[in-house]
């Protein structure tokens, strides 16, 4: 009879492509994963993987067993969720992932509330980029993930993953306090066409928005610095090197010398919490979602429906 540990090892190797990557994901050594696969192949009576260069790929038998493994792992999760529901207690272990500003502005306080209300729950937390949040839940790497997409570009969750929308998080422009528009209540993007900008070092939201701004207005902006960390960007603004867009969630109190002002048509994030549908009956997960919704009502704007593509930044 195949064990769930063996099936989980096979699934991780197929999804990651290498034994070492699967071992990192599952928290085992590569030799432990190899042993699991060897025993599984012996029990199956047929090769399940073949090597192609540095990667391992599943045989047809391996693919068939992976599909069966996902069904069996899902059945076990539903069974555990039902047992937990029948005990009517909020207890057990909970693995949570969230993007950095959500950890600061939403998750940390929510987990403190969980600890006060449900002391029997043991929670582990990891920072996760928003693009990886849904995949981490789908692959059972975490039980719950707080992620985000955009009001005009919503994410489609993988099969079996359920999203609960927590609210929206607008981005404001952050300016030096001596900027001519620092005292404005609302700024139109075209008013910022002559300013130097601090943009994402990667192909992030600010960079895409600035690219569209240049196309619409037929201007070429001065990009004075590239940085991904918002706190780094704010330090550069305070030093007088430019301006940028920064989300409100997790921003904290701005230092002296800078100010944040809303911008017409600025990008707006939709913040959500994701979990597997197979675990929907777990009281512990439902308790955490309830706490996140409570906290989100304080730190986020009310959820907004998907809208047409954002208006051109003019």
Protein backbone atom coordinates (compact mmCIF):
# COMPACT_ATOMS: atom_id res chain seq x y z
CA UNK A 1 0.00 0.00 0.00
CA UNK A 2 1.44 3.38 -0.98
CA UNK A 3 2.14 5.76 1.91
CA UNK A 4 1.13 9.40 1.76
CA UNK A 5 4.75 10.43 2.44
CA UNK A 6 5.89 8.50 -0.64
CA UNK A 7 3.14 10.02 -2.77
CA UNK A 8 3.93 13.53 -1.50
CA UNK A 9 7.60 12.99 -2.37
CA UNK A 10 6.74 11.84 -5.89
CA UNK A 11 4.40 14.78 -6.43
CA UNK A 12 7.01 17.29 -5.22
CA UNK A 13 9.71 15.83 -7.50
CA UNK A 14 7.38 15.95 -10.52
CA UNK A 15 6.36 19.54 -9.81
CA UNK A 16 9.85 20.83 -8.94
CA UNK A 17 11.80 18.89 -11.58
CA UNK A 18 14.73 17.88 -9.36
CA UNK A 19 15.12 15.80 -6.22
CA UNK A 20 17.09 18.55 -4.45
CA UNK A 21 14.35 21.14 -5.12
CA UNK A 22 11.70 18.71 -3.87
CA UNK A 23 13.77 18.09 -0.74
CA UNK A 24 14.02 21.84 -0.07
CA UNK A 25 10.28 22.20 -0.48
CA UNK A 26 9.40 19.31 1.84
CA UNK A 27 12.14 19.93 4.39
CA UNK A 28 13.87 16.59 3.83
CA UNK A 29 17.34 15.63 2.62
CA UNK A 30 17.74 14.62 -1.04
CA UNK A 31 18.73 11.12 0.05
CA UNK A 32 15.49 10.77 2.03
CA UNK A 33 13.47 11.74 -1.06
CA UNK A 34 15.43 9.28 -3.21
CA UNK A 35 14.72 6.50 -0.70
CA UNK A 36 11.00 7.32 -0.75
CA UNK A 37 10.97 7.13 -4.55
CA UNK A 38 12.90 3.86 -4.57
CA UNK A 39 10.42 2.24 -2.18
CA UNK A 40 7.48 3.64 -4.13
CA UNK A 41 8.82 2.27 -7.43
CA UNK A 42 9.38 -1.10 -5.80
CA UNK A 43 5.79 -1.15 -4.46
CA UNK A 44 4.42 0.03 -7.83
CA UNK A 45 6.44 -2.56 -9.72
CA UNK A 46 7.31 -0.15 -12.52
CA UNK A 47 9.66 2.83 -13.12
CA UNK A 48 8.04 6.11 -12.15
CA UNK A 49 10.78 8.61 -13.11
CA UNK A 50 13.47 8.92 -15.77
CA UNK A 51 16.42 11.28 -15.87
CA UNK A 52 16.89 13.91 -18.58
CA UNK A 53 20.08 15.84 -17.92
CA UNK A 54 19.91 17.38 -14.46
CA UNK A 55 16.13 16.99 -14.33
CA UNK A 56 13.93 13.99 -13.60
CA UNK A 57 10.68 13.57 -15.50
CA UNK A 58 7.76 11.24 -14.77
CA UNK A 59 6.99 8.20 -16.85
CA UNK A 60 3.38 7.57 -17.85
CA UNK A 61 3.07 5.40 -14.74
CA UNK A 62 4.52 8.22 -12.65
CA UNK A 63 2.02 10.73 -14.02
CA UNK A 64 -0.86 8.36 -13.34
CA UNK A 65 0.32 7.89 -9.76
CA UNK A 66 0.71 11.64 -9.24
CA UNK A 67 -2.93 12.19 -10.27
CA UNK A 68 -3.98 9.43 -7.86
CA UNK A 69 -1.74 10.96 -5.17
CA UNK A 70 -3.47 14.34 -5.44
CA UNK A 71 -6.85 12.65 -4.98
CA UNK A 72 -5.63 10.65 -1.96
CA UNK A 73 -3.92 13.64 -0.33
CA UNK A 74 -7.09 15.70 -0.83
CA UNK A 75 -9.21 12.93 0.71
CA UNK A 76 -6.95 12.80 3.75
CA UNK A 77 -7.17 16.58 4.16
CA UNK A 78 -10.96 16.50 3.95
CA UNK A 79 -11.05 13.71 6.53
CA UNK A 80 -8.81 15.64 8.92
CA UNK A 81 -10.92 18.77 8.41
CA UNK A 82 -14.09 16.83 9.22
CA UNK A 83 -12.58 15.34 12.38
CA UNK A 84 -11.47 18.80 13.49
CA UNK A 85 -14.93 20.18 12.75
CA UNK A 86 -16.60 17.45 14.81
CA UNK A 87 -14.46 18.27 17.84
CA UNK A 88 -15.63 21.90 17.49
CA UNK A 89 -12.26 23.11 18.75
CA UNK A 90 -9.90 25.58 17.14
CA UNK A 91 -6.62 23.75 17.51
CA UNK A 92 -3.72 22.23 15.61
CA UNK A 93 -0.94 23.60 13.42
CA UNK A 94 -1.40 26.26 10.78
CA UNK A 95 1.18 27.30 8.17
CA UNK A 96 0.62 30.83 6.85
CA UNK A 97 2.34 32.73 4.03
CA UNK A 98 1.96 36.39 3.10
CA UNK A 99 3.69 39.06 1.04
CA UNK A 100 5.92 41.41 3.11
CA UNK A 101 3.67 44.46 3.45
CA UNK A 102 0.74 42.21 4.37
CA UNK A 103 2.83 40.61 7.12
CA UNK A 104 3.54 44.07 8.53
CA UNK A 105 0.16 45.68 8.07
CA UNK A 106 -2.33 42.81 8.40
CA UNK A 107 -1.06 39.36 9.32
CA UNK A 108 1.08 40.08 12.39
CA UNK A 109 -1.77 41.75 14.31
CA UNK A 110 -4.23 39.09 13.12
CA UNK A 111 -2.01 36.29 14.44
CA UNK A 112 -1.68 38.11 17.77
CA UNK A 113 -5.47 38.09 17.98
CA UNK A 114 -5.54 34.37 17.10
CA UNK A 115 -3.08 33.69 19.90
CA UNK A 116 -5.25 35.51 22.44
CA UNK A 117 -8.47 33.83 21.34
CA UNK A 118 -7.21 30.37 20.42
CA UNK A 119 -4.14 29.54 22.45
CA UNK A 120 -4.12 25.91 21.29
CA UNK A 121 -3.26 26.84 17.70
CA UNK A 122 0.42 26.72 16.69
CA UNK A 123 1.17 29.02 13.75
CA UNK A 124 4.23 29.20 11.52
CA UNK A 125 4.68 32.17 9.17
CA UNK A 126 6.78 32.75 6.08
CA UNK A 127 7.13 35.69 3.73
CA UNK A 128 6.03 34.81 0.22
CA UNK A 129 5.96 36.92 -2.92
CA UNK A 130 2.38 37.50 -4.09
CA UNK A 131 2.94 35.58 -7.32
CA UNK A 132 3.83 32.45 -5.35
CA UNK A 133 1.02 32.59 -2.79
CA UNK A 134 -1.58 30.62 -4.75
CA UNK A 135 0.95 28.02 -5.85
CA UNK A 136 2.10 27.53 -2.25
CA UNK A 137 -1.48 26.80 -1.18
CA UNK A 138 -2.17 24.55 -4.18
CA UNK A 139 0.94 22.48 -3.44
CA UNK A 140 0.08 22.17 0.29
CA UNK A 141 3.25 24.04 1.25
CA UNK A 142 1.09 26.24 3.47
CA UNK A 143 -2.48 26.03 4.73
CA UNK A 144 -3.36 29.69 4.18
CA UNK A 145 -1.77 32.47 2.12
CA UNK A 146 -2.46 36.18 1.99
CA UNK A 147 -1.80 37.40 -1.54
CA UNK A 148 -2.83 40.17 -3.89
CA UNK A 149 -3.72 40.87 -7.47
CA UNK A 150 -4.99 44.09 -9.10
CA UNK A 151 -8.46 45.57 -9.50
CA UNK A 152 -7.99 45.68 -13.28
CA UNK A 153 -6.02 42.42 -13.52
CA UNK A 154 -7.48 39.79 -11.20
CA UNK A 155 -5.85 36.41 -10.61
CA UNK A 156 -7.54 33.11 -11.46
CA UNK A 157 -7.02 30.67 -8.58
CA UNK A 158 -5.87 27.12 -9.35
CA UNK A 159 -8.45 24.35 -9.23
CA UNK A 160 -9.25 23.50 -5.63
CA UNK A 161 -8.09 26.83 -4.17
CA UNK A 162 -10.67 29.17 -2.61
CA UNK A 163 -10.19 32.96 -2.36
CA UNK A 164 -11.77 35.26 0.21
CA UNK A 165 -11.33 38.93 -0.67
CA UNK A 166 -10.24 41.06 2.26
CA UNK A 167 -10.26 44.53 0.72
CA UNK A 168 -8.38 46.87 -1.61
CA UNK A 169 -5.12 48.72 -1.14
CA UNK A 170 -4.55 51.86 -3.25
CA UNK A 171 -1.09 53.16 -4.11
CA UNK A 172 -0.26 56.81 -3.40
CA UNK A 173 2.54 58.95 -4.75
CA UNK A 174 5.16 59.74 -2.10
CA UNK A 175 6.78 63.15 -2.46
CA UNK A 176 9.39 65.22 -0.62
CA UNK A 177 7.74 67.68 1.74
CA UNK A 178 9.11 70.63 -0.25
CA UNK A 179 7.52 69.40 -3.50
CA UNK A 180 5.06 71.95 -5.01
CA UNK A 181 2.24 69.33 -4.87
CA UNK A 182 2.99 68.06 -1.35
CA UNK A 183 -0.05 69.90 0.03
CA UNK A 184 -2.50 68.72 -2.65
CA UNK A 185 -5.47 66.50 -1.77
CA UNK A 186 -5.42 64.71 -5.15
CA UNK A 187 -2.92 64.74 -8.02
CA UNK A 188 -3.38 64.01 -11.70
CA UNK A 189 -0.53 61.95 -13.15
CA UNK A 190 0.30 64.53 -15.84
CA UNK A 191 1.24 66.97 -13.07
CA UNK A 192 4.17 64.64 -12.26
CA UNK A 193 5.57 64.31 -15.79
CA UNK A 194 8.62 66.50 -15.09
CA UNK A 195 9.64 64.80 -11.85
CA UNK A 196 12.43 62.23 -11.50
CA UNK A 197 10.96 58.84 -10.57
CA UNK A 198 12.13 55.97 -8.41
CA UNK A 199 10.85 52.74 -9.97
CA UNK A 200 10.89 49.02 -9.26
CA UNK A 201 14.19 47.27 -9.97
CA UNK A 202 12.16 44.33 -11.28
CA UNK A 203 9.26 44.46 -13.75
CA UNK A 204 6.87 45.57 -11.02
CA UNK A 205 3.60 47.47 -10.91
CA UNK A 206 5.15 50.92 -10.63
CA UNK A 207 7.36 50.27 -13.66
CA UNK A 208 4.42 49.03 -15.77
CA UNK A 209 2.31 52.03 -14.75
CA UNK A 210 5.11 54.46 -15.60
CA UNK A 211 5.63 52.76 -18.97
CA UNK A 212 1.95 53.19 -19.80
CA UNK A 213 2.08 56.80 -18.55
CA UNK A 214 4.88 57.56 -21.02
CA UNK A 215 3.03 55.90 -23.90
CA UNK A 216 -0.24 57.74 -23.27
CA UNK A 217 1.31 61.16 -22.76
CA UNK A 218 4.14 60.77 -25.30
CA UNK A 219 6.74 61.81 -22.74
CA UNK A 220 9.96 60.29 -21.50
CA UNK A 221 10.22 60.20 -17.73
CA UNK A 222 13.47 60.58 -15.85
CA UNK A 223 14.02 57.35 -13.87
CA UNK A 224 16.56 58.41 -11.25
CA UNK A 225 16.76 55.19 -9.21
CA UNK A 226 15.65 51.54 -9.20
CA UNK A 227 14.72 49.80 -5.93
CA UNK A 228 12.18 47.13 -4.96
CA UNK A 229 11.93 47.72 -1.19
CA UNK A 230 9.43 50.45 -0.33
CA UNK A 231 11.46 51.59 2.67
CA UNK A 232 14.49 52.01 0.41
CA UNK A 233 12.41 54.02 -2.06
CA UNK A 234 11.13 56.28 0.74
CA UNK A 235 14.69 56.88 1.96
CA UNK A 236 15.69 57.94 -1.56
CA UNK A 237 12.68 60.27 -1.77
CA UNK A 238 13.65 61.83 1.55
CA UNK A 239 17.12 62.39 0.09
CA UNK A 240 15.55 64.33 -2.77
CA UNK A 241 16.26 61.81 -5.54
CA UNK A 242 12.70 61.47 -6.86
CA UNK A 243 9.13 60.34 -6.23
CA UNK A 244 7.35 56.97 -6.47
CA UNK A 245 4.12 55.03 -5.91
CA UNK A 246 3.83 53.18 -2.59
CA UNK A 247 0.91 51.03 -1.33
CA UNK A 248 -0.80 52.01 1.92
CA UNK A 249 -0.83 48.56 3.52
CA UNK A 250 2.17 48.06 5.75
CA UNK A 251 3.60 51.46 4.85
CA UNK A 252 3.58 52.65 8.44
CA UNK A 253 4.18 56.20 9.53
CA UNK A 254 6.18 58.09 6.94
CA UNK A 255 9.40 59.72 8.17
CA UNK A 256 9.73 63.46 8.45
CA UNK A 257 10.36 65.15 5.13
CA UNK A 258 8.01 63.08 2.93
CA UNK A 259 4.27 62.99 2.34
CA UNK A 260 1.85 60.63 0.51
CA UNK A 261 -0.87 62.01 -1.80
CA UNK A 262 -3.58 60.05 -3.73
CA UNK A 263 -3.23 59.96 -7.52
CA UNK A 264 -6.04 59.74 -10.09
CA UNK A 265 -6.02 56.30 -11.72
CA UNK A 266 -3.17 54.91 -9.59
CA UNK A 267 -2.95 51.09 -9.36
CA UNK A 268 -5.08 49.44 -6.66
CA UNK A 269 -4.32 46.04 -5.17
CA UNK A 270 -6.99 43.50 -4.22
CA UNK A 271 -5.88 41.65 -1.10
CA UNK A 272 -7.17 38.11 -0.55
CA UNK A 273 -6.69 35.08 1.67
CA UNK A 274 -6.42 31.70 -0.07
CA UNK A 275 -6.91 28.16 1.23
CA UNK A 276 -7.59 24.74 -0.26
CA UNK A 277 -11.23 23.82 -0.67
CA UNK A 278 -10.50 20.44 0.91
CA UNK A 279 -9.73 22.23 4.19
CA UNK A 280 -12.76 24.54 4.15
CA UNK A 281 -14.40 22.76 7.09
CA UNK A 282 -11.43 23.24 9.43
CA UNK A 283 -12.51 25.50 12.31
CA UNK A 284 -8.93 26.74 12.65
CA UNK A 285 -8.78 28.04 9.09
CA UNK A 286 -12.23 29.60 9.36
CA UNK A 287 -11.22 31.28 12.63
CA UNK A 288 -8.13 32.79 11.00
CA UNK A 289 -10.12 34.04 8.01
CA UNK A 290 -12.61 35.68 10.38
CA UNK A 291 -9.78 37.44 12.24
CA UNK A 292 -8.18 38.58 8.97
CA UNK A 293 -11.52 40.02 7.83
CA UNK A 294 -11.82 41.92 11.11
CA UNK A 295 -8.36 43.41 10.76
CA UNK A 296 -8.81 44.10 7.04
CA UNK A 297 -11.88 46.21 7.83
CA UNK A 298 -9.54 48.53 9.74
CA UNK A 299 -6.48 48.70 7.47
CA UNK A 300 -7.97 48.20 3.97
CA UNK A 301 -10.69 49.78 1.91
CA UNK A 302 -13.88 47.79 1.38
CA UNK A 303 -13.63 45.05 -1.30
CA UNK A 304 -14.24 46.28 -4.85
CA UNK A 305 -15.60 44.28 -7.74
CA UNK A 306 -13.50 43.65 -10.81
CA UNK A 307 -13.54 46.74 -13.02
CA UNK A 308 -12.76 47.40 -16.65
CA UNK A 309 -9.13 48.15 -17.47
CA UNK A 310 -7.93 51.22 -15.59
CA UNK A 311 -8.24 54.53 -17.34
CA UNK A 312 -5.14 55.81 -19.10
CA UNK A 313 -2.87 57.73 -16.66
CA UNK A 314 -3.29 61.33 -17.76
